[in-house]
């Protein structure tokens, strides 16, 4: 079995075909797909999609790119929604949360401060309810790690990891797995490929981030979770390991990062 630990299956780019795409991924061996929320407007969408499709799970959070339009009431709603969903075995994490210091509008001092506030408050929520987190880490690794050192969490996943080896070691030491996907299939993505081939095997999980980060053979077309087995095969080649061993390894790692994936739906 393969696990897609990060897939925006509810996205509008799928044109209402999300259920069919989940089924197609299942037919390709993708036994579980984790769908992170990004703001209050899709809390219900990700929950309902997970309820309809047996291979789907979900996370609840406010994405840093959505922070500019969010307010304290959004955090309150998130807290209330998470509290009401703790008995739902399909809820596996708080996410997608984090920091994005790449987009110019998000780099203004006031917006950086707001991002950090939302990130910190969602880390506190994860700590309080005992859920792992799905982290968006774009040009923000050191500040992401600063807060993780302050707020004790049950771990999670650094999604689309693209930091240094030292930063990777720090995430791992704090109990986090590192997410790798389509980016590592590009021959020129030297740093990501080096990371994917050399970080400890126990730290690796797979993801698509569909509809984004399409693998080399699909770019620039829309990505889908059914690409995950082929992405896994690319990781197996990088690490000179059998494909079935990569499938078993990354599934076990995903279960370790997101323990509620092992609960019956």
Protein backbone atom coordinates (compact mmCIF):
# COMPACT_ATOMS: atom_id res chain seq x y z
CA UNK A 1 0.00 0.00 0.00
CA UNK A 2 1.00 3.59 -0.67
CA UNK A 3 0.01 6.62 1.44
CA UNK A 4 -0.27 10.11 -0.04
CA UNK A 5 0.38 12.19 3.08
CA UNK A 6 -0.51 15.52 1.45
CA UNK A 7 -3.07 15.98 -1.32
CA UNK A 8 -5.52 18.85 -1.84
CA UNK A 9 -8.13 16.55 -3.31
CA UNK A 10 -10.94 19.04 -2.70
CA UNK A 11 -9.30 21.71 -4.89
CA UNK A 12 -11.32 23.37 -7.62
CA UNK A 13 -8.76 22.26 -10.21
CA UNK A 14 -10.28 18.78 -10.00
CA UNK A 15 -13.53 20.13 -11.41
CA UNK A 16 -15.84 18.15 -9.16
CA UNK A 17 -14.13 14.85 -9.97
CA UNK A 18 -12.49 14.43 -6.56
CA UNK A 19 -14.41 11.28 -5.65
CA UNK A 20 -13.57 9.60 -8.95
CA UNK A 21 -9.91 10.60 -8.60
CA UNK A 22 -9.78 9.11 -5.09
CA UNK A 23 -11.18 5.85 -6.45
CA UNK A 24 -8.69 5.83 -9.33
CA UNK A 25 -5.82 6.34 -6.89
CA UNK A 26 -7.12 3.46 -4.81
CA UNK A 27 -7.08 1.23 -7.87
CA UNK A 28 -3.37 2.10 -8.26
CA UNK A 29 -2.62 1.01 -4.70
CA UNK A 30 -2.94 4.34 -2.91
CA UNK A 31 -4.63 3.03 0.20
CA UNK A 32 -4.81 6.35 2.06
CA UNK A 33 -4.88 10.00 1.02
CA UNK A 34 -4.55 12.81 3.58
CA UNK A 35 -6.45 15.97 2.58
CA UNK A 36 -5.38 19.11 4.49
CA UNK A 37 -7.72 22.04 4.88
CA UNK A 38 -6.43 25.52 4.05
CA UNK A 39 -9.06 27.85 5.54
CA UNK A 40 -12.51 27.92 7.12
CA UNK A 41 -14.20 27.57 3.75
CA UNK A 42 -13.02 24.02 3.19
CA UNK A 43 -13.20 22.56 6.70
CA UNK A 44 -16.47 20.86 5.81
CA UNK A 45 -15.36 19.95 2.28
CA UNK A 46 -12.36 17.92 3.41
CA UNK A 47 -14.38 16.23 6.15
CA UNK A 48 -17.22 15.31 3.82
CA UNK A 49 -14.91 14.03 1.09
CA UNK A 50 -13.15 11.83 3.64
CA UNK A 51 -16.49 10.51 4.85
CA UNK A 52 -17.46 9.50 1.30
CA UNK A 53 -14.22 7.87 0.20
CA UNK A 54 -12.79 5.00 2.25
CA UNK A 55 -9.18 5.78 1.33
CA UNK A 56 -9.37 9.44 2.40
CA UNK A 57 -8.50 11.13 5.69
CA UNK A 58 -8.30 14.83 6.51
CA UNK A 59 -6.55 17.54 8.53
CA UNK A 60 -7.89 20.88 9.74
CA UNK A 61 -5.89 24.10 9.68
CA UNK A 62 -5.34 27.56 8.21
CA UNK A 63 -2.66 27.74 5.51
CA UNK A 64 -0.18 30.64 5.74
CA UNK A 65 -1.22 31.84 2.28
CA UNK A 66 -4.76 32.20 3.64
CA UNK A 67 -3.68 34.10 6.75
CA UNK A 68 -4.02 37.59 5.15
CA UNK A 69 -7.78 37.12 4.85
CA UNK A 70 -8.23 35.37 8.20
CA UNK A 71 -9.04 36.77 11.63
CA UNK A 72 -9.33 35.69 15.22
CA UNK A 73 -12.79 34.33 14.45
CA UNK A 74 -11.23 31.87 12.01
CA UNK A 75 -8.97 30.52 14.74
CA UNK A 76 -11.99 30.25 17.05
CA UNK A 77 -13.90 28.32 14.40
CA UNK A 78 -10.90 26.04 13.85
CA UNK A 79 -10.70 25.28 17.56
CA UNK A 80 -14.44 24.56 17.71
CA UNK A 81 -14.36 22.39 14.57
CA UNK A 82 -11.39 20.36 15.82
CA UNK A 83 -13.00 19.88 19.23
CA UNK A 84 -16.16 18.61 17.55
CA UNK A 85 -14.23 16.25 15.28
CA UNK A 86 -11.95 14.51 17.76
CA UNK A 87 -14.22 11.46 17.77
CA UNK A 88 -14.01 11.26 13.96
CA UNK A 89 -11.29 8.71 13.08
CA UNK A 90 -10.83 10.41 9.71
CA UNK A 91 -9.30 13.47 11.38
CA UNK A 92 -5.57 12.76 11.56
CA UNK A 93 -3.74 16.07 12.00
CA UNK A 94 -3.77 19.85 12.28
CA UNK A 95 -2.83 21.28 8.91
CA UNK A 96 -1.90 22.70 6.61
CA UNK A 97 -0.19 25.24 8.82
CA UNK A 98 3.19 26.95 8.80
CA UNK A 99 5.04 29.92 7.35
CA UNK A 100 5.60 31.16 3.79
CA UNK A 101 8.32 33.75 3.34
CA UNK A 102 8.54 33.33 -0.44
CA UNK A 103 5.55 35.26 -1.78
CA UNK A 104 6.28 39.03 -1.66
CA UNK A 105 2.96 40.01 -0.09
CA UNK A 106 3.59 37.58 2.76
CA UNK A 107 7.04 38.96 3.48
CA UNK A 108 5.95 42.41 4.67
CA UNK A 109 6.80 42.80 8.38
CA UNK A 110 3.17 43.02 9.54
CA UNK A 111 2.20 39.95 7.53
CA UNK A 112 5.18 37.96 8.75
CA UNK A 113 4.11 38.77 12.29
CA UNK A 114 0.52 37.72 11.56
CA UNK A 115 1.70 34.47 9.98
CA UNK A 116 3.80 33.68 13.04
CA UNK A 117 0.83 34.38 15.32
CA UNK A 118 -1.46 32.04 13.39
CA UNK A 119 1.26 29.40 13.24
CA UNK A 120 1.92 29.59 16.97
CA UNK A 121 -1.78 29.44 17.87
CA UNK A 122 -2.31 26.38 15.68
CA UNK A 123 0.72 24.66 17.20
CA UNK A 124 -0.83 25.27 20.62
CA UNK A 125 -4.10 23.77 19.39
CA UNK A 126 -2.28 20.68 18.11
CA UNK A 127 -0.47 20.35 21.43
CA UNK A 128 -3.68 20.73 23.43
CA UNK A 129 -5.61 18.08 21.47
CA UNK A 130 -2.63 15.77 20.97
CA UNK A 131 -2.59 15.79 17.17
CA UNK A 132 0.45 15.92 14.86
CA UNK A 133 0.83 18.77 12.36
CA UNK A 134 1.27 19.07 8.60
CA UNK A 135 3.76 21.88 8.07
CA UNK A 136 4.10 24.29 5.16
CA UNK A 137 7.76 25.33 5.23
CA UNK A 138 8.79 27.73 2.48
CA UNK A 139 11.94 29.80 3.09
CA UNK A 140 11.05 29.64 6.77
CA UNK A 141 12.74 26.51 8.12
CA UNK A 142 14.62 28.14 10.99
CA UNK A 143 11.63 30.09 12.30
CA UNK A 144 9.38 27.03 11.93
CA UNK A 145 11.91 25.12 14.02
CA UNK A 146 12.17 27.89 16.62
CA UNK A 147 8.49 27.46 17.47
CA UNK A 148 8.69 23.66 17.39
CA UNK A 149 11.39 23.83 20.05
CA UNK A 150 9.14 25.97 22.23
CA UNK A 151 5.88 24.04 21.86
CA UNK A 152 6.06 20.30 22.50
CA UNK A 153 4.11 18.36 19.88
CA UNK A 154 3.50 14.70 19.02
CA UNK A 155 5.38 15.23 15.73
CA UNK A 156 4.05 15.43 12.21
CA UNK A 157 5.36 16.02 8.69
CA UNK A 158 7.44 18.82 7.15
CA UNK A 159 5.61 18.89 3.82
CA UNK A 160 7.56 19.34 0.55
CA UNK A 161 10.83 19.48 2.44
CA UNK A 162 13.55 21.53 0.79
CA UNK A 163 15.87 22.63 3.57
CA UNK A 164 19.45 21.88 4.43
CA UNK A 165 20.78 18.60 5.82
CA UNK A 166 21.25 20.28 9.20
CA UNK A 167 17.64 21.48 9.19
CA UNK A 168 16.50 18.01 8.18
CA UNK A 169 18.36 16.55 11.13
CA UNK A 170 16.69 19.03 13.47
CA UNK A 171 13.18 18.23 12.21
CA UNK A 172 13.93 14.53 12.62
CA UNK A 173 15.29 15.05 16.14
CA UNK A 174 12.03 16.82 17.03
CA UNK A 175 10.05 13.78 15.89
CA UNK A 176 9.06 14.88 12.39
CA UNK A 177 9.03 13.04 9.08
CA UNK A 178 10.01 14.73 5.81
CA UNK A 179 7.63 14.78 2.85
CA UNK A 180 8.97 14.13 -0.66
CA UNK A 181 6.99 14.18 -3.89
CA UNK A 182 7.09 15.20 -7.52
CA UNK A 183 9.93 17.70 -7.12
CA UNK A 184 12.47 14.93 -6.54
CA UNK A 185 11.65 13.38 -9.94
CA UNK A 186 13.33 16.26 -11.81
CA UNK A 187 16.98 15.47 -12.62
CA UNK A 188 18.02 19.08 -12.00
CA UNK A 189 16.47 19.17 -8.49
CA UNK A 190 19.86 18.22 -7.11
CA UNK A 191 19.42 19.31 -3.48
CA UNK A 192 16.02 17.62 -3.05
CA UNK A 193 17.31 14.45 -4.71
CA UNK A 194 20.36 14.40 -2.43
CA UNK A 195 18.13 14.82 0.59
CA UNK A 196 15.72 12.10 -0.56
CA UNK A 197 18.58 9.70 -1.14
CA UNK A 198 20.52 10.30 2.07
CA UNK A 199 18.24 11.26 4.99
CA UNK A 200 17.46 8.33 7.29
CA UNK A 201 14.95 5.95 5.74
CA UNK A 202 12.86 6.18 8.90
CA UNK A 203 12.21 9.89 8.14
CA UNK A 204 10.75 9.49 4.64
CA UNK A 205 7.10 9.89 3.71
CA UNK A 206 5.59 10.38 0.27
CA UNK A 207 3.13 12.97 -0.99
CA UNK A 208 1.80 14.46 -4.20
CA UNK A 209 0.53 17.91 -3.08
CA UNK A 210 -1.92 17.42 -5.95
CA UNK A 211 -3.03 19.31 -7.94
CA UNK A 212 0.37 21.00 -7.53
CA UNK A 213 4.02 19.86 -7.79
CA UNK A 214 3.47 17.53 -10.73
CA UNK A 215 6.25 14.97 -11.32
CA UNK A 216 8.61 15.33 -14.26
CA UNK A 217 6.62 13.02 -16.56
CA UNK A 218 3.39 14.99 -15.99
CA UNK A 219 4.58 18.59 -15.70
CA UNK A 220 3.01 21.07 -16.38
CA UNK A 221 -0.26 19.15 -16.24
CA UNK A 222 -2.39 18.81 -13.12
CA UNK A 223 -1.04 16.38 -10.56
CA UNK A 224 -3.19 13.58 -9.08
CA UNK A 225 -2.75 11.10 -6.21
CA UNK A 226 -2.61 8.16 -8.61
CA UNK A 227 0.91 9.35 -9.50
CA UNK A 228 2.15 8.38 -6.04
CA UNK A 229 3.29 4.81 -6.85
CA UNK A 230 5.45 6.10 -9.70
CA UNK A 231 6.85 8.83 -7.42
CA UNK A 232 7.60 6.06 -4.94
CA UNK A 233 9.40 4.14 -7.66
CA UNK A 234 11.55 7.23 -8.31
CA UNK A 235 12.46 7.33 -4.62
CA UNK A 236 13.31 3.62 -4.72
CA UNK A 237 15.68 4.26 -7.63
CA UNK A 238 17.36 7.16 -5.81
CA UNK A 239 17.95 5.00 -2.75
CA UNK A 240 18.74 1.78 -4.67
CA UNK A 241 15.94 -0.05 -2.88
CA UNK A 242 13.18 -2.38 -4.12
CA UNK A 243 9.93 -0.56 -4.86
CA UNK A 244 7.88 -2.79 -2.56
CA UNK A 245 10.31 -2.04 0.27
CA UNK A 246 9.85 1.70 -0.27
CA UNK A 247 6.07 1.21 -0.22
CA UNK A 248 6.21 -0.67 3.08
CA UNK A 249 8.75 1.71 4.60
CA UNK A 250 6.95 4.93 3.72
CA UNK A 251 3.60 3.48 4.82
CA UNK A 252 5.05 2.56 8.21
CA UNK A 253 6.60 6.03 8.49
CA UNK A 254 3.29 7.72 7.63
CA UNK A 255 1.56 5.65 10.31
CA UNK A 256 4.22 6.70 12.81
CA UNK A 257 3.83 10.38 11.89
CA UNK A 258 0.02 10.28 11.79
CA UNK A 259 -1.04 7.49 14.17
CA UNK A 260 -4.77 8.00 13.57
CA UNK A 261 -4.27 6.70 10.03
CA UNK A 262 -4.31 3.27 11.64
CA UNK A 263 -7.78 3.75 13.14
CA UNK A 264 -10.66 2.05 11.29
CA UNK A 265 -12.63 4.59 9.27
